[in-house]
């Protein structure tokens, strides 16, 4: 199976590789993450993913669109709903934007399916990612490769640390970064 695998960062991909390879799948990594801010965070994650691709001898496609303004416009529409509700709508926008672009690329380039490393994180909205992926798959007639990679999260994180990969402290959204630092103070 030719799988175009949306990849948010090196550590998350590291947590997925064992499962994929057990199914004889060598994913082709796909970087499209206009949700990650600030720019230094964006480049650190992109570069750590490039290192994983090189180390693991994986194909790697980069759509290098930083996208701060578009992300703020799309996700920021929900900014005033308060701390308990604003995250959900922002996350849906973020997942849909990235998965839809991955599906479009998979269709255009003849991949058999598309998937995402987001499914490894216990901190992401797993059921929403799956639902959005399946909705997009139906719309574009391109299968969404779903696996619950979460059991491999800790192992992937340990391997990533051992490899010296950049380890992020928040999901990537500038809103998430703000919430992280406000909680600390």
N, C-alpha and C. Protein backbone atom coordinates (compact mmCIF):
# COMPACT_ATOMS: atom_id res chain seq x y z
N UNK A 1 0.85 -1.18 0.00
CA UNK A 1 0.00 0.00 0.00
C UNK A 1 0.89 1.24 0.00
N UNK A 2 0.58 2.15 -0.89
CA UNK A 2 1.25 3.46 -0.88
C UNK A 2 0.43 4.37 0.02
N UNK A 3 1.02 4.73 1.16
CA UNK A 3 0.33 5.53 2.17
C UNK A 3 0.98 6.89 2.27
N UNK A 4 0.20 7.95 2.03
CA UNK A 4 0.67 9.30 2.29
C UNK A 4 0.30 9.61 3.73
N UNK A 5 1.32 9.81 4.55
CA UNK A 5 1.15 9.88 6.00
C UNK A 5 1.41 11.29 6.50
N UNK A 6 0.32 12.03 6.76
CA UNK A 6 0.47 13.37 7.33
C UNK A 6 1.26 13.23 8.62
N UNK A 7 2.29 14.06 8.75
CA UNK A 7 3.21 13.93 9.88
C UNK A 7 3.39 15.28 10.56
N UNK A 8 3.07 15.32 11.84
CA UNK A 8 3.12 16.58 12.57
C UNK A 8 4.49 16.86 13.17
N UNK A 9 5.29 15.79 13.41
CA UNK A 9 6.61 15.98 14.00
C UNK A 9 7.36 14.65 14.02
N UNK A 10 8.64 14.73 14.26
CA UNK A 10 9.46 13.53 14.32
C UNK A 10 9.07 12.55 15.43
N UNK A 11 8.87 13.03 16.67
CA UNK A 11 8.51 12.10 17.74
C UNK A 11 7.21 11.33 17.48
N UNK A 12 6.21 11.99 16.92
CA UNK A 12 4.95 11.30 16.67
C UNK A 12 5.11 10.23 15.59
N UNK A 13 5.83 10.54 14.53
CA UNK A 13 6.07 9.54 13.48
C UNK A 13 6.84 8.35 14.06
N UNK A 14 7.81 8.64 14.92
CA UNK A 14 8.60 7.57 15.54
C UNK A 14 7.69 6.59 16.27
N UNK A 15 6.63 7.10 16.90
CA UNK A 15 5.68 6.25 17.61
C UNK A 15 4.78 5.42 16.71
N UNK A 16 4.72 5.75 15.44
CA UNK A 16 3.84 5.05 14.50
C UNK A 16 4.57 4.02 13.64
N UNK A 17 5.86 4.18 13.48
CA UNK A 17 6.60 3.38 12.49
C UNK A 17 6.53 1.88 12.73
N UNK A 18 6.64 1.45 13.98
CA UNK A 18 6.62 0.01 14.26
C UNK A 18 5.31 -0.63 13.80
N UNK A 19 4.20 0.02 14.10
CA UNK A 19 2.89 -0.49 13.68
C UNK A 19 2.78 -0.54 12.16
N UNK A 20 3.19 0.53 11.51
CA UNK A 20 3.12 0.58 10.05
C UNK A 20 3.98 -0.51 9.43
N UNK A 21 5.19 -0.64 9.91
CA UNK A 21 6.11 -1.63 9.34
C UNK A 21 5.65 -3.06 9.63
N UNK A 22 4.96 -3.27 10.74
CA UNK A 22 4.41 -4.60 11.03
C UNK A 22 3.36 -4.99 9.99
N UNK A 23 2.77 -3.99 9.33
CA UNK A 23 1.80 -4.23 8.26
C UNK A 23 2.46 -4.11 6.88
N UNK A 24 3.80 -4.11 6.87
CA UNK A 24 4.57 -3.98 5.62
C UNK A 24 4.28 -2.68 4.87
N UNK A 25 4.10 -1.62 5.63
CA UNK A 25 3.86 -0.30 5.05
C UNK A 25 5.06 0.59 5.36
N UNK A 26 5.67 1.12 4.32
CA UNK A 26 6.69 2.15 4.47
C UNK A 26 5.99 3.46 4.10
N UNK A 27 5.58 4.23 5.09
CA UNK A 27 4.81 5.43 4.79
C UNK A 27 5.65 6.46 4.05
N UNK A 28 5.00 7.27 3.26
CA UNK A 28 5.65 8.42 2.65
C UNK A 28 5.18 9.62 3.46
N UNK A 29 6.11 10.24 4.15
CA UNK A 29 5.78 11.31 5.09
C UNK A 29 5.38 12.58 4.35
N UNK A 30 4.42 13.26 4.93
CA UNK A 30 3.87 14.47 4.32
C UNK A 30 3.79 15.56 5.37
N UNK A 31 4.53 16.63 5.14
CA UNK A 31 4.54 17.79 6.05
C UNK A 31 3.64 18.87 5.50
N UNK A 32 2.54 19.11 6.18
CA UNK A 32 1.68 20.26 5.92
C UNK A 32 1.08 20.62 7.26
N UNK A 33 1.62 21.66 7.90
CA UNK A 33 1.23 22.02 9.25
C UNK A 33 1.19 23.53 9.44
N UNK A 34 0.26 24.20 8.76
CA UNK A 34 0.17 25.65 8.90
C UNK A 34 -0.39 26.09 10.25
N UNK A 35 -0.66 25.14 11.11
CA UNK A 35 -1.17 25.40 12.45
C UNK A 35 -0.07 25.63 13.48
N UNK A 36 1.18 25.32 13.13
CA UNK A 36 2.26 25.36 14.11
C UNK A 36 2.90 26.74 14.13
N UNK A 37 2.93 27.34 15.34
CA UNK A 37 3.47 28.69 15.53
C UNK A 37 4.15 28.80 16.87
N UNK A 38 5.08 29.66 17.08
CA UNK A 38 5.63 30.62 16.13
C UNK A 38 6.55 29.92 15.11
N UNK A 39 7.17 30.73 14.26
CA UNK A 39 7.96 30.19 13.15
C UNK A 39 9.11 29.31 13.64
N UNK A 40 9.72 29.66 14.76
CA UNK A 40 10.82 28.84 15.28
C UNK A 40 10.33 27.44 15.66
N UNK A 41 9.12 27.35 16.18
CA UNK A 41 8.51 26.05 16.52
C UNK A 41 8.23 25.27 15.24
N UNK A 42 7.69 25.96 14.25
CA UNK A 42 7.39 25.36 12.95
C UNK A 42 8.65 24.72 12.35
N UNK A 43 9.74 25.48 12.30
CA UNK A 43 10.96 24.96 11.67
C UNK A 43 11.60 23.86 12.52
N UNK A 44 11.53 23.96 13.83
CA UNK A 44 12.10 22.90 14.68
C UNK A 44 11.39 21.58 14.45
N UNK A 45 10.07 21.61 14.35
CA UNK A 45 9.31 20.37 14.11
C UNK A 45 9.53 19.85 12.71
N UNK A 46 9.52 20.74 11.74
CA UNK A 46 9.77 20.32 10.35
C UNK A 46 11.14 19.67 10.22
N UNK A 47 12.14 20.29 10.82
CA UNK A 47 13.50 19.77 10.71
C UNK A 47 13.68 18.45 11.45
N UNK A 48 12.99 18.27 12.57
CA UNK A 48 13.09 16.99 13.28
C UNK A 48 12.43 15.88 12.46
N UNK A 49 11.36 16.23 11.76
CA UNK A 49 10.71 15.24 10.89
C UNK A 49 11.62 14.89 9.71
N UNK A 50 12.30 15.89 9.16
CA UNK A 50 13.25 15.63 8.06
C UNK A 50 14.35 14.68 8.52
N UNK A 51 14.79 14.84 9.76
CA UNK A 51 15.82 13.95 10.30
C UNK A 51 15.30 12.52 10.42
N UNK A 52 14.07 12.35 10.88
CA UNK A 52 13.47 11.01 10.96
C UNK A 52 13.37 10.41 9.56
N UNK A 53 12.92 11.19 8.60
CA UNK A 53 12.81 10.69 7.22
C UNK A 53 14.17 10.21 6.71
N UNK A 54 15.19 10.99 6.96
CA UNK A 54 16.53 10.63 6.50
C UNK A 54 17.04 9.39 7.23
N UNK A 55 16.92 9.38 8.55
CA UNK A 55 17.41 8.26 9.36
C UNK A 55 16.69 6.96 9.02
N UNK A 56 15.40 7.05 8.79
CA UNK A 56 14.59 5.86 8.51
C UNK A 56 14.46 5.55 7.02
N UNK A 57 15.12 6.37 6.19
CA UNK A 57 15.10 6.18 4.73
C UNK A 57 13.67 6.20 4.18
N UNK A 58 12.92 7.22 4.56
CA UNK A 58 11.53 7.37 4.14
C UNK A 58 11.40 8.53 3.16
N UNK A 59 10.51 8.39 2.20
CA UNK A 59 10.18 9.49 1.30
C UNK A 59 9.54 10.60 2.14
N UNK A 60 9.81 11.84 1.75
CA UNK A 60 9.33 12.97 2.55
C UNK A 60 8.96 14.12 1.63
N UNK A 61 7.71 14.53 1.67
CA UNK A 61 7.22 15.66 0.90
C UNK A 61 6.89 16.80 1.86
N UNK A 62 7.35 17.99 1.51
CA UNK A 62 7.11 19.16 2.34
C UNK A 62 6.27 20.17 1.57
N UNK A 63 5.15 20.57 2.14
CA UNK A 63 4.40 21.73 1.66
C UNK A 63 4.71 22.80 2.70
N UNK A 64 5.65 23.65 2.37
CA UNK A 64 6.22 24.58 3.34
C UNK A 64 5.42 25.89 3.35
N UNK A 65 4.24 25.84 3.95
CA UNK A 65 3.37 27.01 4.06
C UNK A 65 3.17 27.29 5.55
N UNK A 66 3.86 28.28 6.03
CA UNK A 66 3.78 28.61 7.45
C UNK A 66 2.35 28.91 7.89
N UNK A 67 1.64 29.77 7.22
CA UNK A 67 0.21 29.92 7.39
C UNK A 67 -0.34 30.57 8.65
N UNK A 68 0.41 31.41 9.31
CA UNK A 68 -0.08 32.02 10.55
C UNK A 68 -1.39 32.78 10.34
N UNK A 69 -1.43 33.66 9.37
CA UNK A 69 -2.61 34.52 9.18
C UNK A 69 -3.85 33.70 8.83
N UNK A 70 -3.70 32.73 7.92
CA UNK A 70 -4.86 31.89 7.56
C UNK A 70 -5.32 31.05 8.75
N UNK A 71 -4.36 30.55 9.52
CA UNK A 71 -4.73 29.75 10.68
C UNK A 71 -5.49 30.60 11.71
N UNK A 72 -5.00 31.79 11.96
CA UNK A 72 -5.67 32.69 12.92
C UNK A 72 -7.08 33.01 12.43
N UNK A 73 -7.22 33.29 11.13
CA UNK A 73 -8.55 33.56 10.58
C UNK A 73 -9.49 32.38 10.76
N UNK A 74 -9.01 31.18 10.42
CA UNK A 74 -9.86 29.99 10.49
C UNK A 74 -10.14 29.52 11.90
N UNK A 75 -9.10 29.43 12.71
CA UNK A 75 -9.25 28.92 14.07
C UNK A 75 -9.66 30.02 15.04
N UNK A 76 -9.30 31.25 14.73
CA UNK A 76 -9.57 32.37 15.63
C UNK A 76 -11.02 32.77 15.69
N UNK A 77 -11.83 32.28 14.76
CA UNK A 77 -13.25 32.61 14.78
C UNK A 77 -13.90 32.16 16.07
N UNK A 78 -13.27 31.22 16.76
CA UNK A 78 -13.81 30.65 17.99
C UNK A 78 -13.12 31.22 19.24
N UNK A 79 -12.34 32.25 19.07
CA UNK A 79 -11.46 32.71 20.14
C UNK A 79 -12.18 33.21 21.39
N UNK A 80 -13.37 33.71 21.29
CA UNK A 80 -14.03 34.33 22.43
C UNK A 80 -15.00 33.41 23.17
N UNK A 81 -14.97 32.13 22.88
CA UNK A 81 -15.90 31.22 23.54
C UNK A 81 -15.46 30.75 24.91
N UNK A 82 -14.29 31.15 25.36
CA UNK A 82 -13.83 30.77 26.69
C UNK A 82 -12.92 29.56 26.66
N UNK A 83 -12.22 29.31 27.75
CA UNK A 83 -11.20 28.27 27.78
C UNK A 83 -11.72 26.85 27.64
N UNK A 84 -12.93 26.58 28.03
CA UNK A 84 -13.41 25.20 27.98
C UNK A 84 -14.04 24.83 26.65
N UNK A 85 -14.44 25.81 25.86
CA UNK A 85 -15.10 25.48 24.59
C UNK A 85 -14.27 25.86 23.38
N UNK A 86 -13.38 26.81 23.51
CA UNK A 86 -12.67 27.30 22.33
C UNK A 86 -11.76 26.26 21.72
N UNK A 87 -11.17 25.41 22.52
CA UNK A 87 -10.26 24.41 22.00
C UNK A 87 -10.90 23.45 21.02
N UNK A 88 -12.12 23.02 21.29
CA UNK A 88 -12.76 22.01 20.45
C UNK A 88 -12.92 22.48 19.01
N UNK A 89 -13.45 23.66 18.81
CA UNK A 89 -13.66 24.15 17.45
C UNK A 89 -12.35 24.45 16.74
N UNK A 90 -11.39 24.98 17.47
CA UNK A 90 -10.07 25.21 16.87
C UNK A 90 -9.45 23.90 16.42
N UNK A 91 -9.55 22.89 17.26
CA UNK A 91 -8.98 21.58 16.91
C UNK A 91 -9.65 21.01 15.66
N UNK A 92 -10.96 21.13 15.56
CA UNK A 92 -11.66 20.60 14.39
C UNK A 92 -11.17 21.29 13.12
N UNK A 93 -11.03 22.61 13.19
CA UNK A 93 -10.52 23.36 12.04
C UNK A 93 -9.12 22.87 11.68
N UNK A 94 -8.29 22.72 12.68
CA UNK A 94 -6.90 22.32 12.49
C UNK A 94 -6.81 20.92 11.87
N UNK A 95 -7.54 19.96 12.42
CA UNK A 95 -7.51 18.59 11.88
C UNK A 95 -8.01 18.57 10.44
N UNK A 96 -9.15 19.22 10.23
CA UNK A 96 -9.75 19.19 8.89
C UNK A 96 -8.83 19.81 7.85
N UNK A 97 -8.24 20.94 8.16
CA UNK A 97 -7.34 21.62 7.22
C UNK A 97 -6.20 20.70 6.80
N UNK A 98 -5.55 20.08 7.77
CA UNK A 98 -4.38 19.25 7.47
C UNK A 98 -4.76 17.94 6.79
N UNK A 99 -5.81 17.30 7.27
CA UNK A 99 -6.21 16.03 6.66
C UNK A 99 -6.77 16.21 5.25
N UNK A 100 -7.48 17.31 5.05
CA UNK A 100 -8.02 17.55 3.71
C UNK A 100 -6.89 17.78 2.71
N UNK A 101 -5.89 18.54 3.09
CA UNK A 101 -4.75 18.77 2.19
C UNK A 101 -4.01 17.46 1.91
N UNK A 102 -3.90 16.61 2.92
CA UNK A 102 -3.25 15.31 2.74
C UNK A 102 -4.04 14.45 1.77
N UNK A 103 -5.36 14.42 1.92
CA UNK A 103 -6.20 13.64 1.01
C UNK A 103 -6.10 14.17 -0.42
N UNK A 104 -6.11 15.49 -0.59
CA UNK A 104 -5.98 16.07 -1.93
C UNK A 104 -4.66 15.66 -2.58
N UNK A 105 -3.58 15.71 -1.83
CA UNK A 105 -2.27 15.29 -2.35
C UNK A 105 -2.29 13.80 -2.67
N UNK A 106 -2.89 12.99 -1.81
CA UNK A 106 -2.96 11.55 -2.04
C UNK A 106 -3.72 11.25 -3.33
N UNK A 107 -4.79 11.97 -3.57
CA UNK A 107 -5.56 11.79 -4.81
C UNK A 107 -4.74 12.22 -6.02
N UNK A 108 -4.14 13.39 -5.93
CA UNK A 108 -3.40 13.95 -7.07
C UNK A 108 -2.19 13.09 -7.45
N UNK A 109 -1.58 12.46 -6.46
CA UNK A 109 -0.34 11.73 -6.71
C UNK A 109 -0.52 10.21 -6.75
N UNK A 110 -1.76 9.75 -6.67
CA UNK A 110 -2.04 8.32 -6.85
C UNK A 110 -1.72 7.42 -5.67
N UNK A 111 -1.77 7.94 -4.47
CA UNK A 111 -1.56 7.09 -3.30
C UNK A 111 -2.80 6.22 -3.09
N UNK A 112 -2.61 5.10 -2.40
CA UNK A 112 -3.72 4.19 -2.11
C UNK A 112 -4.58 4.70 -0.97
N UNK A 113 -3.96 5.41 -0.03
CA UNK A 113 -4.67 5.87 1.17
C UNK A 113 -3.89 7.03 1.79
N UNK A 114 -4.53 7.68 2.76
CA UNK A 114 -3.86 8.73 3.54
C UNK A 114 -4.11 8.46 5.02
N UNK A 115 -3.19 8.92 5.85
CA UNK A 115 -3.32 8.74 7.29
C UNK A 115 -2.61 9.87 8.00
N UNK A 116 -2.50 9.76 9.32
CA UNK A 116 -1.88 10.83 10.10
C UNK A 116 -1.23 10.33 11.38
N UNK A 117 -0.10 10.94 11.70
CA UNK A 117 0.59 10.64 12.96
C UNK A 117 -0.13 11.26 14.16
N UNK A 118 -1.10 12.12 13.93
CA UNK A 118 -1.86 12.70 15.03
C UNK A 118 -2.52 11.62 15.89
N UNK A 119 -2.76 10.46 15.30
CA UNK A 119 -3.45 9.37 16.01
C UNK A 119 -2.58 8.69 17.06
N UNK A 120 -1.33 9.11 17.23
CA UNK A 120 -0.47 8.52 18.25
C UNK A 120 -0.61 9.26 19.59
N UNK A 121 -1.03 10.49 19.57
CA UNK A 121 -1.00 11.32 20.77
C UNK A 121 -2.23 11.11 21.66
N UNK A 122 -2.00 10.80 22.93
CA UNK A 122 -3.13 10.70 23.86
C UNK A 122 -3.70 12.08 24.21
N UNK A 123 -3.03 13.15 23.75
CA UNK A 123 -3.48 14.51 24.05
C UNK A 123 -4.36 15.10 22.95
N UNK A 124 -4.47 14.40 21.83
CA UNK A 124 -5.31 14.88 20.73
C UNK A 124 -6.72 14.29 20.86
N UNK A 125 -7.64 14.84 20.13
CA UNK A 125 -9.04 14.39 20.14
C UNK A 125 -9.18 13.25 19.13
N UNK A 126 -8.80 12.07 19.60
CA UNK A 126 -8.68 10.89 18.74
C UNK A 126 -9.95 10.60 17.93
N UNK A 127 -11.08 10.54 18.59
CA UNK A 127 -12.33 10.20 17.89
C UNK A 127 -12.69 11.25 16.84
N UNK A 128 -12.38 12.51 17.12
CA UNK A 128 -12.64 13.57 16.15
C UNK A 128 -11.72 13.44 14.94
N UNK A 129 -10.46 13.11 15.18
CA UNK A 129 -9.53 12.92 14.07
C UNK A 129 -10.03 11.79 13.17
N UNK A 130 -10.43 10.70 13.79
CA UNK A 130 -10.93 9.56 13.02
C UNK A 130 -12.17 9.95 12.21
N UNK A 131 -13.11 10.61 12.86
CA UNK A 131 -14.35 11.00 12.18
C UNK A 131 -14.06 11.94 11.01
N UNK A 132 -13.22 12.93 11.23
CA UNK A 132 -12.88 13.87 10.17
C UNK A 132 -12.16 13.16 9.03
N UNK A 133 -11.21 12.28 9.37
CA UNK A 133 -10.51 11.51 8.34
C UNK A 133 -11.47 10.68 7.51
N UNK A 134 -12.41 10.03 8.16
CA UNK A 134 -13.38 9.20 7.45
C UNK A 134 -14.33 10.04 6.60
N UNK A 135 -14.73 11.22 7.09
CA UNK A 135 -15.57 12.13 6.30
C UNK A 135 -14.84 12.58 5.03
N UNK A 136 -13.60 12.95 5.19
CA UNK A 136 -12.80 13.39 4.04
C UNK A 136 -12.59 12.24 3.07
N UNK A 137 -12.34 11.05 3.60
CA UNK A 137 -12.16 9.86 2.75
C UNK A 137 -13.39 9.62 1.88
N UNK A 138 -14.54 9.75 2.48
CA UNK A 138 -15.79 9.54 1.74
C UNK A 138 -15.96 10.60 0.65
N UNK A 139 -15.65 11.84 0.99
CA UNK A 139 -15.81 12.93 0.03
C UNK A 139 -14.87 12.78 -1.16
N UNK A 140 -13.61 12.38 -0.89
CA UNK A 140 -12.61 12.30 -1.96
C UNK A 140 -12.43 10.90 -2.53
N UNK A 141 -13.18 9.94 -2.00
CA UNK A 141 -13.09 8.55 -2.47
C UNK A 141 -11.65 8.03 -2.37
N UNK A 142 -11.02 8.34 -1.26
CA UNK A 142 -9.64 7.92 -0.97
C UNK A 142 -9.63 7.40 0.46
N UNK A 143 -9.30 6.13 0.68
CA UNK A 143 -9.38 5.56 2.03
C UNK A 143 -8.52 6.29 3.06
N UNK A 144 -9.08 6.42 4.24
CA UNK A 144 -8.36 6.96 5.39
C UNK A 144 -7.81 5.77 6.16
N UNK A 145 -6.49 5.72 6.29
CA UNK A 145 -5.83 4.65 7.03
C UNK A 145 -5.93 4.98 8.51
N UNK A 146 -6.77 4.25 9.21
CA UNK A 146 -6.97 4.49 10.63
C UNK A 146 -6.29 3.39 11.45
N UNK A 147 -5.50 3.81 12.40
CA UNK A 147 -4.96 2.91 13.42
C UNK A 147 -4.88 3.71 14.71
N UNK A 148 -5.14 3.03 15.81
CA UNK A 148 -4.95 3.65 17.12
C UNK A 148 -3.50 3.41 17.52
N UNK A 149 -2.66 4.39 17.26
CA UNK A 149 -1.24 4.28 17.57
C UNK A 149 -0.93 4.64 19.03
N UNK A 150 -1.91 5.07 19.79
CA UNK A 150 -1.65 5.57 21.15
C UNK A 150 -0.89 4.60 22.06
N UNK A 151 -1.09 3.29 21.95
CA UNK A 151 -0.30 2.40 22.82
C UNK A 151 1.22 2.53 22.60
N UNK A 152 1.64 3.12 21.49
CA UNK A 152 3.06 3.26 21.17
C UNK A 152 3.59 4.67 21.44
N UNK A 153 2.76 5.51 22.04
CA UNK A 153 3.16 6.90 22.27
C UNK A 153 4.41 7.02 23.15
N UNK A 154 4.39 6.42 24.31
CA UNK A 154 5.52 6.55 25.26
C UNK A 154 6.80 5.97 24.66
N UNK A 155 6.68 4.82 24.03
CA UNK A 155 7.85 4.21 23.40
C UNK A 155 8.41 5.12 22.31
N UNK A 156 7.53 5.71 21.52
CA UNK A 156 7.97 6.64 20.47
C UNK A 156 8.66 7.85 21.05
N UNK A 157 8.13 8.37 22.15
CA UNK A 157 8.75 9.51 22.82
C UNK A 157 10.14 9.17 23.34
N UNK A 158 10.28 7.99 23.92
CA UNK A 158 11.59 7.55 24.43
C UNK A 158 12.60 7.42 23.29
N UNK A 159 12.17 6.81 22.19
CA UNK A 159 13.07 6.65 21.04
C UNK A 159 13.45 8.02 20.47
N UNK A 160 12.50 8.93 20.42
CA UNK A 160 12.77 10.27 19.89
C UNK A 160 13.77 11.00 20.77
N UNK A 161 13.62 10.91 22.08
CA UNK A 161 14.58 11.54 23.00
C UNK A 161 15.97 10.94 22.81
N UNK A 162 16.03 9.61 22.72
CA UNK A 162 17.31 8.92 22.55
C UNK A 162 17.99 9.34 21.24
N UNK A 163 17.18 9.64 20.23
CA UNK A 163 17.72 10.07 18.93
C UNK A 163 18.06 11.56 18.91
N UNK A 164 17.74 12.27 19.99
CA UNK A 164 18.04 13.69 20.06
C UNK A 164 17.09 14.57 19.28
N UNK A 165 15.89 14.07 19.02
CA UNK A 165 14.90 14.86 18.27
C UNK A 165 14.35 15.98 19.14
N UNK A 166 13.93 17.04 18.48
CA UNK A 166 13.27 18.15 19.16
C UNK A 166 11.96 17.65 19.75
N UNK A 167 11.72 17.94 21.02
CA UNK A 167 10.51 17.51 21.72
C UNK A 167 9.68 18.74 22.06
N UNK A 168 8.53 18.85 21.45
CA UNK A 168 7.69 20.02 21.65
C UNK A 168 6.96 19.98 22.98
N UNK A 169 6.46 21.13 23.38
CA UNK A 169 5.80 21.27 24.68
C UNK A 169 4.30 21.57 24.57
N UNK A 170 3.79 21.70 23.36
CA UNK A 170 2.36 21.97 23.14
C UNK A 170 2.00 21.51 21.73
N UNK A 171 0.72 21.50 21.41
CA UNK A 171 0.26 20.90 20.15
C UNK A 171 0.77 21.63 18.91
N UNK A 172 1.08 22.88 19.02
CA UNK A 172 1.56 23.65 17.87
C UNK A 172 0.78 24.93 17.66
N UNK A 173 -0.48 24.93 18.03
CA UNK A 173 -1.31 26.11 17.88
C UNK A 173 -0.83 27.22 18.80
N UNK A 174 -0.79 28.42 18.27
CA UNK A 174 -0.39 29.58 19.07
C UNK A 174 -1.33 29.77 20.26
N UNK A 175 -2.59 29.34 20.10
CA UNK A 175 -3.55 29.40 21.19
C UNK A 175 -3.15 28.41 22.30
N UNK A 176 -2.72 27.23 21.88
CA UNK A 176 -2.28 26.21 22.83
C UNK A 176 -1.03 26.67 23.57
N UNK A 177 -0.13 27.33 22.86
CA UNK A 177 1.07 27.85 23.51
C UNK A 177 0.68 28.86 24.58
N UNK A 178 -0.24 29.76 24.25
CA UNK A 178 -0.69 30.75 25.22
C UNK A 178 -1.29 30.05 26.46
N UNK A 179 -2.15 29.06 26.24
CA UNK A 179 -2.78 28.36 27.36
C UNK A 179 -1.74 27.66 28.23
N UNK A 180 -0.71 27.10 27.59
CA UNK A 180 0.35 26.40 28.34
C UNK A 180 1.06 27.35 29.29
N UNK A 181 1.42 28.54 28.79
CA UNK A 181 2.15 29.48 29.63
C UNK A 181 1.26 30.16 30.65
N UNK A 182 0.00 30.37 30.35
CA UNK A 182 -0.91 30.96 31.33
C UNK A 182 -1.10 29.98 32.49
N UNK A 183 -1.23 28.69 32.21
CA UNK A 183 -1.39 27.69 33.27
C UNK A 183 -0.17 27.65 34.17
N UNK A 184 1.03 27.88 33.62
CA UNK A 184 2.25 27.86 34.42
C UNK A 184 2.33 29.02 35.40
N UNK A 185 1.74 30.17 35.04
CA UNK A 185 1.90 31.35 35.88
C UNK A 185 0.90 31.46 36.98
